[in-house]
């Protein structure tokens, strides 16, 4: 499985951005797609995930601001609203295959929230 992420960039506090990730290759169910992020000097952390049944899991820090969804079976979208400076990070798309317990990562896309 290969992941191609797009979106990200520079936005002012309170602004919005949209990240998209497409998975290529052997895409079977069940699976979980999602986003993780790694801020400056921080460890990588969960942002939000969504499985093939459209069940979602969001980090407390992004609840009510970020929304994860699937456009189709192999595309996941993260809509980020009310962005804060602490959301600044490299965002990584993830694809997890629970049948073989293997996780794949995208190349990462930088989100910078600054005035």
Protein backbone atom coordinates (compact mmCIF):
# COMPACT_ATOMS: atom_id res chain seq x y z
CA UNK A 1 0.00 0.00 0.00
CA UNK A 2 1.27 3.45 -0.92
CA UNK A 3 -0.21 6.66 0.41
CA UNK A 4 -0.26 10.02 -1.34
CA UNK A 5 -1.16 12.99 0.84
CA UNK A 6 -1.99 16.51 -0.25
CA UNK A 7 -3.06 19.75 1.34
CA UNK A 8 -1.45 21.55 4.22
CA UNK A 9 0.33 24.87 4.16
CA UNK A 10 0.34 28.10 6.09
CA UNK A 11 -2.84 29.42 7.68
CA UNK A 12 -3.66 32.08 10.24
CA UNK A 13 -5.10 31.13 13.64
CA UNK A 14 -8.81 30.49 13.33
CA UNK A 15 -8.46 29.47 9.71
CA UNK A 16 -9.23 26.21 7.93
CA UNK A 17 -7.36 23.66 5.89
CA UNK A 18 -8.18 20.39 4.17
CA UNK A 19 -5.88 17.38 3.97
CA UNK A 20 -6.50 14.52 1.58
CA UNK A 21 -4.86 11.11 1.33
CA UNK A 22 -5.27 8.46 -1.34
CA UNK A 23 -4.23 4.85 -0.80
CA UNK A 24 -2.93 2.84 -3.76
CA UNK A 25 -2.37 -0.89 -3.93
CA UNK A 26 -4.02 -3.83 -2.23
CA UNK A 27 -6.86 -2.18 -0.36
CA UNK A 28 -8.94 -4.74 1.50
CA UNK A 29 -11.39 -4.60 4.37
CA UNK A 30 -11.19 -4.33 7.26
CA UNK A 31 -8.84 -1.37 7.39
CA UNK A 32 -8.34 1.87 9.23
CA UNK A 33 -7.18 5.11 7.62
CA UNK A 34 -6.29 8.21 9.50
CA UNK A 35 -4.00 11.05 10.36
CA UNK A 36 -1.25 11.43 12.90
CA UNK A 37 0.90 14.48 13.53
CA UNK A 38 4.28 15.35 14.94
CA UNK A 39 4.87 18.84 16.22
CA UNK A 40 8.27 20.44 16.81
CA UNK A 41 10.05 18.58 19.60
CA UNK A 42 7.09 16.29 20.14
CA UNK A 43 6.28 12.65 19.57
CA UNK A 44 3.94 11.56 16.83
CA UNK A 45 0.34 11.51 18.05
CA UNK A 46 -3.05 10.41 16.84
CA UNK A 47 -5.26 13.06 15.26
CA UNK A 48 -8.19 11.07 13.89
CA UNK A 49 -8.95 7.72 12.31
CA UNK A 50 -11.82 6.19 10.37
CA UNK A 51 -12.37 2.55 9.54
CA UNK A 52 -14.00 0.98 6.51
CA UNK A 53 -17.35 1.05 8.34
CA UNK A 54 -16.96 4.83 8.82
CA UNK A 55 -16.49 4.60 12.55
CA UNK A 56 -14.27 7.45 13.68
CA UNK A 57 -11.92 8.15 16.55
CA UNK A 58 -10.72 11.69 17.31
CA UNK A 59 -8.11 13.02 19.69
CA UNK A 60 -9.60 15.18 22.44
CA UNK A 61 -7.49 18.12 21.30
CA UNK A 62 -9.23 18.25 17.91
CA UNK A 63 -12.81 17.28 18.79
CA UNK A 64 -15.38 19.72 17.43
CA UNK A 65 -12.71 21.33 15.22
CA UNK A 66 -11.48 18.57 12.91
CA UNK A 67 -13.62 16.17 10.90
CA UNK A 68 -12.38 13.00 9.26
CA UNK A 69 -14.30 11.32 6.46
CA UNK A 70 -13.88 9.01 3.49
CA UNK A 71 -14.65 10.21 -0.02
CA UNK A 72 -14.45 6.59 -1.15
CA UNK A 73 -12.89 3.30 -0.09
CA UNK A 74 -9.31 4.49 -0.55
CA UNK A 75 -9.47 8.25 0.10
CA UNK A 76 -9.55 9.90 3.50
CA UNK A 77 -10.09 13.62 4.08
CA UNK A 78 -9.35 15.67 7.19
CA UNK A 79 -11.16 18.99 7.41
CA UNK A 80 -9.53 21.24 9.97
CA UNK A 81 -11.35 24.30 11.30
CA UNK A 82 -10.56 26.83 14.01
CA UNK A 83 -6.88 26.05 13.69
CA UNK A 84 -4.60 26.98 16.56
CA UNK A 85 -0.83 27.55 16.65
CA UNK A 86 -0.50 24.31 18.62
CA UNK A 87 -1.88 22.44 15.60
CA UNK A 88 1.35 23.24 13.80
CA UNK A 89 2.93 19.93 12.86
CA UNK A 90 3.81 17.53 10.10
CA UNK A 91 0.69 15.52 9.41
CA UNK A 92 1.07 11.91 8.33
CA UNK A 93 -1.53 9.81 6.60
CA UNK A 94 -1.80 6.25 7.87
CA UNK A 95 -3.30 3.02 6.55
CA UNK A 96 -3.62 0.11 8.97
CA UNK A 97 -4.37 -3.46 7.97
CA UNK A 98 -5.52 -5.29 11.12
CA UNK A 99 -5.43 -8.72 9.51
CA UNK A 100 -1.64 -8.56 9.22
CA UNK A 101 -1.12 -5.90 11.90
CA UNK A 102 0.78 -3.66 9.49
CA UNK A 103 0.70 0.12 9.27
CA UNK A 104 1.70 2.14 6.24
CA UNK A 105 2.68 5.83 6.32
CA UNK A 106 2.43 8.64 3.83
CA UNK A 107 5.20 11.14 3.24
CA UNK A 108 3.89 13.79 5.63
CA UNK A 109 2.57 17.25 4.91
CA UNK A 110 3.39 20.37 6.90
CA UNK A 111 0.66 22.45 8.50
CA UNK A 112 1.75 25.77 9.96
CA UNK A 113 -0.67 27.91 11.95
CA UNK A 114 0.77 31.35 12.46
CA UNK A 115 -0.10 34.98 12.11
